[in-house]
């Protein structure tokens, strides 16, 4: 899917505790994603947020599990995996995706999926939310977590 996300009204969830977990690779892109995620959380009245950096995207699922064990209500996972010349890209993308899904289902808590998996740096920049980009996947992934928190609250 490309283009702008639909406009959604965000619920006010001031009591929620949310961790933004970011890869440390491609930190310039990840910082843009964090800015977008933080903006969505603020728009939802969520003030108790923690930003956690892990070495790479592959470590995001375990960090998510640990934060849930510490009582967090939701996670927004952001990172970037760039395609290279080896199958490493495929294995990392598969592991991150499956790991995040497994942790979310195990704890029945939302994880907004904002890990970009791109062929080029230009594709990542276009999705990073920085000025001039066509998408803001940091914001979008936080919105997904917020909306699922709202659903869980009901």
N, C-alpha and C. Protein backbone atom coordinates (compact mmCIF):
# COMPACT_ATOMS: atom_id res chain seq x y z
N UNK A 1 0.84 -1.17 0.00
CA UNK A 1 0.00 0.00 0.00
C UNK A 1 0.89 1.23 0.00
N UNK A 2 0.55 2.18 -0.78
CA UNK A 2 1.32 3.41 -0.78
C UNK A 2 0.37 4.60 -0.72
N UNK A 3 0.93 5.73 -0.44
CA UNK A 3 0.12 6.93 -0.34
C UNK A 3 -0.18 7.25 1.10
N UNK A 4 -1.07 8.19 1.28
CA UNK A 4 -1.40 8.65 2.62
C UNK A 4 -2.36 7.69 3.31
N UNK A 5 -2.19 7.56 4.61
CA UNK A 5 -3.09 6.74 5.41
C UNK A 5 -4.42 7.47 5.57
N UNK A 6 -5.48 6.73 5.82
CA UNK A 6 -6.76 7.40 6.05
C UNK A 6 -6.71 8.24 7.32
N UNK A 7 -7.49 9.29 7.35
CA UNK A 7 -7.59 10.12 8.54
C UNK A 7 -8.45 9.38 9.56
N UNK A 8 -7.94 9.23 10.77
CA UNK A 8 -8.70 8.56 11.81
C UNK A 8 -8.69 9.42 13.07
N UNK A 9 -9.79 9.38 13.77
CA UNK A 9 -9.86 10.07 15.06
C UNK A 9 -9.22 9.17 16.10
N UNK A 10 -8.32 9.73 16.86
CA UNK A 10 -7.63 8.95 17.88
C UNK A 10 -8.32 9.08 19.22
N UNK A 11 -8.53 7.96 19.90
CA UNK A 11 -9.11 8.02 21.23
C UNK A 11 -8.09 8.62 22.20
N UNK A 12 -8.57 9.09 23.32
CA UNK A 12 -7.69 9.60 24.37
C UNK A 12 -7.44 8.47 25.36
N UNK A 13 -6.19 8.04 25.43
CA UNK A 13 -5.81 6.90 26.27
C UNK A 13 -4.68 7.32 27.22
N UNK A 14 -4.97 8.31 28.04
CA UNK A 14 -3.93 8.92 28.87
C UNK A 14 -3.31 7.96 29.88
N UNK A 15 -3.98 6.87 30.20
CA UNK A 15 -3.44 5.93 31.19
C UNK A 15 -2.54 4.86 30.57
N UNK A 16 -2.43 4.83 29.26
CA UNK A 16 -1.65 3.78 28.59
C UNK A 16 -0.15 4.01 28.73
N UNK A 17 0.57 2.90 28.86
CA UNK A 17 2.03 2.90 28.87
C UNK A 17 2.50 2.27 27.57
N UNK A 18 3.26 3.01 26.79
CA UNK A 18 3.67 2.54 25.46
C UNK A 18 5.18 2.69 25.31
N UNK A 19 5.79 1.65 24.77
CA UNK A 19 7.22 1.69 24.43
C UNK A 19 7.37 1.80 22.92
N UNK A 20 8.23 2.68 22.50
CA UNK A 20 8.65 2.73 21.10
C UNK A 20 9.99 2.02 21.06
N UNK A 21 10.05 0.92 20.33
CA UNK A 21 11.28 0.15 20.24
C UNK A 21 11.85 0.33 18.84
N UNK A 22 13.09 0.81 18.80
CA UNK A 22 13.72 1.16 17.52
C UNK A 22 15.04 0.42 17.34
N UNK A 23 15.27 0.04 16.12
CA UNK A 23 16.58 -0.46 15.72
C UNK A 23 17.58 0.68 15.78
N UNK A 24 18.84 0.34 16.01
CA UNK A 24 19.91 1.35 15.99
C UNK A 24 20.57 1.48 14.62
N UNK A 25 20.31 0.54 13.73
CA UNK A 25 20.81 0.65 12.36
C UNK A 25 19.98 1.68 11.62
N UNK A 26 20.61 2.45 10.75
CA UNK A 26 19.93 3.48 9.97
C UNK A 26 19.20 4.44 10.91
N UNK A 27 19.92 4.92 11.89
CA UNK A 27 19.32 5.72 12.95
C UNK A 27 18.66 7.00 12.43
N UNK A 28 19.14 7.55 11.33
CA UNK A 28 18.50 8.75 10.79
C UNK A 28 17.06 8.46 10.38
N UNK A 29 16.85 7.35 9.70
CA UNK A 29 15.50 6.94 9.31
C UNK A 29 14.69 6.57 10.55
N UNK A 30 15.29 5.80 11.44
CA UNK A 30 14.58 5.37 12.64
C UNK A 30 14.16 6.56 13.49
N UNK A 31 15.00 7.57 13.58
CA UNK A 31 14.64 8.77 14.35
C UNK A 31 13.43 9.47 13.73
N UNK A 32 13.35 9.49 12.40
CA UNK A 32 12.17 10.06 11.74
C UNK A 32 10.92 9.24 12.10
N UNK A 33 11.05 7.92 12.11
CA UNK A 33 9.92 7.06 12.46
C UNK A 33 9.50 7.28 13.92
N UNK A 34 10.47 7.46 14.80
CA UNK A 34 10.18 7.72 16.21
C UNK A 34 9.42 9.03 16.37
N UNK A 35 9.81 10.04 15.63
CA UNK A 35 9.12 11.33 15.69
C UNK A 35 7.65 11.16 15.30
N UNK A 36 7.40 10.43 14.22
CA UNK A 36 6.02 10.19 13.80
C UNK A 36 5.23 9.41 14.82
N UNK A 37 5.83 8.36 15.37
CA UNK A 37 5.15 7.55 16.39
C UNK A 37 4.85 8.38 17.62
N UNK A 38 5.81 9.18 18.04
CA UNK A 38 5.63 10.02 19.23
C UNK A 38 4.50 11.02 19.03
N UNK A 39 4.40 11.57 17.82
CA UNK A 39 3.34 12.53 17.52
C UNK A 39 1.95 11.88 17.65
N UNK A 40 1.81 10.66 17.14
CA UNK A 40 0.52 9.97 17.24
C UNK A 40 0.18 9.66 18.70
N UNK A 41 1.18 9.21 19.46
CA UNK A 41 0.94 8.91 20.88
C UNK A 41 0.52 10.17 21.63
N UNK A 42 1.18 11.27 21.34
CA UNK A 42 0.82 12.54 21.98
C UNK A 42 -0.60 12.94 21.61
N UNK A 43 -0.96 12.78 20.33
CA UNK A 43 -2.31 13.11 19.88
C UNK A 43 -3.37 12.28 20.60
N UNK A 44 -3.00 11.09 21.06
CA UNK A 44 -3.92 10.21 21.80
C UNK A 44 -3.84 10.44 23.30
N UNK A 45 -3.11 11.46 23.71
CA UNK A 45 -3.02 11.79 25.13
C UNK A 45 -2.13 10.86 25.93
N UNK A 46 -1.32 10.07 25.25
CA UNK A 46 -0.43 9.12 25.93
C UNK A 46 0.86 9.83 26.28
N UNK A 47 1.12 9.97 27.56
CA UNK A 47 2.30 10.69 28.02
C UNK A 47 3.36 9.76 28.60
N UNK A 48 2.96 8.55 28.98
CA UNK A 48 3.94 7.62 29.53
C UNK A 48 4.50 6.76 28.40
N UNK A 49 5.54 7.29 27.77
CA UNK A 49 6.20 6.58 26.68
C UNK A 49 7.69 6.46 26.99
N UNK A 50 8.24 5.37 26.50
CA UNK A 50 9.66 5.12 26.64
C UNK A 50 10.21 4.75 25.27
N UNK A 51 11.35 5.31 24.92
CA UNK A 51 12.02 4.94 23.68
C UNK A 51 13.17 4.02 24.03
N UNK A 52 13.16 2.86 23.40
CA UNK A 52 14.18 1.84 23.65
C UNK A 52 14.89 1.55 22.33
N UNK A 53 16.20 1.64 22.33
CA UNK A 53 16.98 1.29 21.14
C UNK A 53 17.58 -0.10 21.33
N UNK A 54 17.46 -0.92 20.30
CA UNK A 54 18.07 -2.24 20.28
C UNK A 54 19.06 -2.27 19.13
N UNK A 55 19.98 -3.24 19.13
CA UNK A 55 21.02 -3.24 18.09
C UNK A 55 20.48 -3.25 16.66
N UNK A 56 19.51 -4.12 16.39
CA UNK A 56 18.98 -4.22 15.03
C UNK A 56 17.51 -4.59 15.07
N UNK A 57 16.89 -4.66 13.91
CA UNK A 57 15.47 -4.99 13.85
C UNK A 57 15.19 -6.40 14.36
N UNK A 58 16.14 -7.30 14.19
CA UNK A 58 15.94 -8.68 14.62
C UNK A 58 15.72 -8.77 16.13
N UNK A 59 16.22 -7.80 16.89
CA UNK A 59 16.08 -7.81 18.34
C UNK A 59 14.77 -7.19 18.84
N UNK A 60 13.98 -6.61 17.96
CA UNK A 60 12.74 -5.96 18.36
C UNK A 60 11.74 -6.92 18.99
N UNK A 61 11.53 -8.13 18.47
CA UNK A 61 10.56 -9.02 19.13
C UNK A 61 10.89 -9.33 20.59
N UNK A 62 12.13 -9.65 20.89
CA UNK A 62 12.49 -9.96 22.27
C UNK A 62 12.35 -8.71 23.15
N UNK A 63 12.76 -7.57 22.65
CA UNK A 63 12.59 -6.34 23.43
C UNK A 63 11.10 -6.06 23.68
N UNK A 64 10.26 -6.37 22.72
CA UNK A 64 8.81 -6.20 22.90
C UNK A 64 8.31 -7.12 24.00
N UNK A 65 8.75 -8.34 23.97
CA UNK A 65 8.35 -9.31 25.00
C UNK A 65 8.76 -8.82 26.39
N UNK A 66 9.98 -8.34 26.51
CA UNK A 66 10.47 -7.84 27.80
C UNK A 66 9.65 -6.65 28.28
N UNK A 67 9.31 -5.74 27.38
CA UNK A 67 8.51 -4.57 27.80
C UNK A 67 7.12 -5.00 28.25
N UNK A 68 6.53 -5.98 27.58
CA UNK A 68 5.23 -6.48 28.03
C UNK A 68 5.34 -7.13 29.40
N UNK A 69 6.42 -7.85 29.63
CA UNK A 69 6.65 -8.45 30.95
C UNK A 69 6.80 -7.38 32.02
N UNK A 70 7.23 -6.18 31.63
CA UNK A 70 7.39 -5.05 32.56
C UNK A 70 6.11 -4.24 32.71
N UNK A 71 5.04 -4.67 32.05
CA UNK A 71 3.75 -4.03 32.24
C UNK A 71 3.33 -3.01 31.20
N UNK A 72 4.06 -2.85 30.13
CA UNK A 72 3.64 -1.92 29.08
C UNK A 72 2.37 -2.44 28.41
N UNK A 73 1.55 -1.51 27.96
CA UNK A 73 0.28 -1.86 27.33
C UNK A 73 0.41 -2.09 25.83
N UNK A 74 1.38 -1.44 25.21
CA UNK A 74 1.56 -1.55 23.76
C UNK A 74 2.99 -1.20 23.40
N UNK A 75 3.36 -1.62 22.21
CA UNK A 75 4.67 -1.32 21.64
C UNK A 75 4.47 -0.76 20.25
N UNK A 76 5.30 0.19 19.88
CA UNK A 76 5.40 0.63 18.50
C UNK A 76 6.81 0.25 18.05
N UNK A 77 6.89 -0.67 17.11
CA UNK A 77 8.18 -1.19 16.63
C UNK A 77 8.57 -0.46 15.35
N UNK A 78 9.76 0.15 15.36
CA UNK A 78 10.24 0.84 14.17
C UNK A 78 11.67 0.41 13.86
N UNK A 79 11.97 0.37 12.59
CA UNK A 79 13.30 0.00 12.16
C UNK A 79 13.36 0.02 10.65
N UNK A 80 14.51 -0.35 10.13
CA UNK A 80 14.70 -0.42 8.69
C UNK A 80 15.62 -1.59 8.37
N UNK A 81 15.15 -2.43 7.48
CA UNK A 81 15.97 -3.51 6.93
C UNK A 81 16.08 -3.22 5.43
N UNK A 82 17.32 -2.99 4.97
CA UNK A 82 17.55 -2.71 3.56
C UNK A 82 18.04 -3.95 2.84
N UNK A 83 17.51 -4.16 1.66
CA UNK A 83 17.90 -5.32 0.87
C UNK A 83 19.35 -5.18 0.41
N UNK A 84 20.09 -6.24 0.57
CA UNK A 84 21.46 -6.27 0.10
C UNK A 84 21.63 -7.33 -0.98
N UNK A 85 22.83 -7.86 -1.09
CA UNK A 85 23.13 -8.81 -2.15
C UNK A 85 23.00 -10.26 -1.71
N UNK A 86 22.65 -10.50 -0.46
CA UNK A 86 22.56 -11.87 0.05
C UNK A 86 21.15 -12.14 0.57
N UNK A 87 20.84 -13.40 0.85
CA UNK A 87 19.52 -13.75 1.39
C UNK A 87 19.29 -13.27 2.83
N UNK A 88 20.31 -12.67 3.44
CA UNK A 88 20.18 -12.19 4.82
C UNK A 88 18.93 -11.33 4.99
N UNK A 89 18.64 -10.47 4.03
CA UNK A 89 17.46 -9.60 4.06
C UNK A 89 16.19 -10.42 4.26
N UNK A 90 16.04 -11.50 3.49
CA UNK A 90 14.83 -12.32 3.57
C UNK A 90 14.68 -12.95 4.94
N UNK A 91 15.76 -13.46 5.49
CA UNK A 91 15.70 -14.13 6.79
C UNK A 91 15.41 -13.14 7.91
N UNK A 92 16.03 -11.97 7.86
CA UNK A 92 15.78 -10.97 8.89
C UNK A 92 14.33 -10.48 8.81
N UNK A 93 13.86 -10.17 7.63
CA UNK A 93 12.48 -9.70 7.47
C UNK A 93 11.48 -10.73 7.98
N UNK A 94 11.70 -11.98 7.60
CA UNK A 94 10.79 -13.04 8.05
C UNK A 94 10.84 -13.19 9.57
N UNK A 95 12.03 -13.19 10.15
CA UNK A 95 12.17 -13.36 11.59
C UNK A 95 11.54 -12.21 12.37
N UNK A 96 11.76 -11.00 11.92
CA UNK A 96 11.20 -9.83 12.60
C UNK A 96 9.68 -9.87 12.54
N UNK A 97 9.15 -10.11 11.36
CA UNK A 97 7.70 -10.13 11.18
C UNK A 97 7.05 -11.21 12.01
N UNK A 98 7.56 -12.43 11.92
CA UNK A 98 6.98 -13.53 12.68
C UNK A 98 7.17 -13.33 14.18
N UNK A 99 8.33 -12.83 14.57
CA UNK A 99 8.59 -12.61 15.99
C UNK A 99 7.65 -11.58 16.59
N UNK A 100 7.43 -10.49 15.89
CA UNK A 100 6.52 -9.45 16.39
C UNK A 100 5.10 -10.00 16.48
N UNK A 101 4.67 -10.73 15.48
CA UNK A 101 3.34 -11.33 15.52
C UNK A 101 3.21 -12.29 16.70
N UNK A 102 4.20 -13.15 16.88
CA UNK A 102 4.16 -14.13 17.97
C UNK A 102 4.06 -13.45 19.34
N UNK A 103 4.85 -12.42 19.56
CA UNK A 103 4.85 -11.72 20.85
C UNK A 103 3.50 -11.04 21.08
N UNK A 104 2.99 -10.39 20.06
CA UNK A 104 1.71 -9.70 20.18
C UNK A 104 0.60 -10.68 20.56
N UNK A 105 0.57 -11.82 19.89
CA UNK A 105 -0.46 -12.82 20.18
C UNK A 105 -0.25 -13.48 21.53
N UNK A 106 0.99 -13.74 21.89
CA UNK A 106 1.29 -14.37 23.19
C UNK A 106 0.79 -13.52 24.35
N UNK A 107 0.98 -12.21 24.26
CA UNK A 107 0.62 -11.32 25.36
C UNK A 107 -0.75 -10.66 25.15
N UNK A 108 -1.34 -10.87 24.00
CA UNK A 108 -2.62 -10.24 23.65
C UNK A 108 -2.54 -8.73 23.84
N UNK A 109 -1.44 -8.18 23.36
CA UNK A 109 -1.21 -6.73 23.43
C UNK A 109 -0.74 -6.25 22.05
N UNK A 110 -1.09 -5.04 21.70
CA UNK A 110 -0.77 -4.56 20.36
C UNK A 110 0.69 -4.15 20.17
N UNK A 111 1.17 -4.47 18.99
CA UNK A 111 2.46 -3.98 18.53
C UNK A 111 2.22 -3.32 17.18
N UNK A 112 2.40 -2.02 17.13
CA UNK A 112 2.31 -1.32 15.85
C UNK A 112 3.55 -1.63 15.03
N UNK A 113 3.35 -2.12 13.83
CA UNK A 113 4.46 -2.61 13.00
C UNK A 113 4.95 -1.52 12.06
N UNK A 114 6.06 -0.89 12.45
CA UNK A 114 6.64 0.18 11.64
C UNK A 114 8.05 -0.12 11.20
N UNK A 115 8.35 -1.40 11.05
CA UNK A 115 9.68 -1.79 10.56
C UNK A 115 9.63 -1.76 9.04
N UNK A 116 10.36 -0.85 8.45
CA UNK A 116 10.41 -0.73 7.00
C UNK A 116 11.31 -1.82 6.44
N UNK A 117 10.89 -2.42 5.35
CA UNK A 117 11.66 -3.45 4.67
C UNK A 117 11.71 -3.02 3.21
N UNK A 118 12.81 -2.39 2.84
CA UNK A 118 12.88 -1.69 1.56
C UNK A 118 14.04 -2.19 0.71
N UNK A 119 13.88 -2.01 -0.59
CA UNK A 119 14.93 -2.35 -1.54
C UNK A 119 16.01 -1.28 -1.60
N UNK A 120 15.62 -0.02 -1.35
CA UNK A 120 16.57 1.08 -1.47
C UNK A 120 16.38 2.07 -0.32
N UNK A 121 17.40 2.85 -0.10
CA UNK A 121 17.32 3.91 0.91
C UNK A 121 16.28 4.95 0.51
N UNK A 122 16.13 5.21 -0.78
CA UNK A 122 15.15 6.17 -1.25
C UNK A 122 13.73 5.73 -0.89
N UNK A 123 13.45 4.43 -0.99
CA UNK A 123 12.13 3.91 -0.59
C UNK A 123 11.90 4.13 0.90
N UNK A 124 12.93 3.94 1.70
CA UNK A 124 12.81 4.14 3.15
C UNK A 124 12.55 5.60 3.47
N UNK A 125 13.27 6.48 2.84
CA UNK A 125 13.09 7.92 3.07
C UNK A 125 11.66 8.33 2.71
N UNK A 126 11.13 7.79 1.63
CA UNK A 126 9.78 8.12 1.19
C UNK A 126 8.72 7.69 2.19
N UNK A 127 9.04 6.77 3.08
CA UNK A 127 8.09 6.24 4.05
C UNK A 127 8.40 6.69 5.49
N UNK A 128 9.44 7.49 5.64
CA UNK A 128 9.97 7.83 6.96
C UNK A 128 9.22 8.92 7.70
N UNK A 129 8.40 9.69 7.00
CA UNK A 129 7.69 10.78 7.64
C UNK A 129 8.44 12.10 7.67
N UNK A 130 9.65 12.11 7.16
CA UNK A 130 10.36 13.39 7.14
C UNK A 130 9.73 14.30 6.10
N UNK A 131 9.96 15.61 6.21
CA UNK A 131 9.36 16.54 5.25
C UNK A 131 9.62 16.10 3.81
N UNK A 132 8.56 16.09 3.01
CA UNK A 132 8.66 15.71 1.61
C UNK A 132 8.42 14.23 1.36
N UNK A 133 8.33 13.42 2.41
CA UNK A 133 8.08 11.99 2.20
C UNK A 133 6.60 11.77 1.87
N UNK A 134 6.31 10.65 1.23
CA UNK A 134 4.92 10.37 0.83
C UNK A 134 4.14 9.65 1.91
N UNK A 135 4.83 9.07 2.88
CA UNK A 135 4.17 8.34 3.97
C UNK A 135 4.89 8.60 5.29
N UNK A 136 4.20 8.29 6.37
CA UNK A 136 4.77 8.42 7.71
C UNK A 136 4.45 7.13 8.46
N UNK A 137 5.28 6.12 8.23
CA UNK A 137 5.01 4.81 8.81
C UNK A 137 5.22 4.77 10.33
N UNK A 138 5.98 5.71 10.88
CA UNK A 138 6.08 5.80 12.34
C UNK A 138 4.73 6.20 12.93
N UNK A 139 4.14 7.23 12.35
CA UNK A 139 2.82 7.69 12.78
C UNK A 139 1.79 6.58 12.57
N UNK A 140 1.78 5.99 11.38
CA UNK A 140 0.79 4.96 11.05
C UNK A 140 0.87 3.76 11.98
N UNK A 141 2.08 3.34 12.32
CA UNK A 141 2.21 2.16 13.19
C UNK A 141 1.76 2.48 14.61
N UNK A 142 1.97 3.71 15.06
CA UNK A 142 1.47 4.10 16.38
C UNK A 142 -0.06 4.16 16.37
N UNK A 143 -0.64 4.66 15.29
CA UNK A 143 -2.10 4.69 15.18
C UNK A 143 -2.67 3.28 15.28
N UNK A 144 -2.02 2.32 14.63
CA UNK A 144 -2.50 0.94 14.70
C UNK A 144 -2.49 0.44 16.14
N UNK A 145 -1.41 0.69 16.86
CA UNK A 145 -1.33 0.25 18.26
C UNK A 145 -2.39 0.96 19.12
N UNK A 146 -2.58 2.24 18.89
CA UNK A 146 -3.57 3.01 19.65
C UNK A 146 -4.97 2.47 19.41
N UNK A 147 -5.31 2.23 18.16
CA UNK A 147 -6.66 1.74 17.85
C UNK A 147 -6.90 0.35 18.45
N UNK A 148 -5.87 -0.48 18.48
CA UNK A 148 -6.03 -1.80 19.11
C UNK A 148 -6.11 -1.68 20.63
N UNK A 149 -5.40 -0.72 21.21
CA UNK A 149 -5.55 -0.46 22.65
C UNK A 149 -6.98 -0.04 22.96
N UNK A 150 -7.55 0.78 22.10
CA UNK A 150 -8.93 1.20 22.27
C UNK A 150 -9.87 -0.01 22.21
N UNK A 151 -9.64 -0.88 21.27
CA UNK A 151 -10.46 -2.08 21.12
C UNK A 151 -10.34 -2.97 22.36
N UNK A 152 -9.13 -3.10 22.87
CA UNK A 152 -8.91 -3.93 24.06
C UNK A 152 -9.58 -3.33 25.29
N UNK A 153 -9.65 -2.00 25.34
CA UNK A 153 -10.24 -1.29 26.48
C UNK A 153 -11.74 -1.54 26.59
N UNK A 154 -12.40 -1.70 25.45
CA UNK A 154 -13.88 -1.85 25.43
C UNK A 154 -14.34 -3.14 26.02
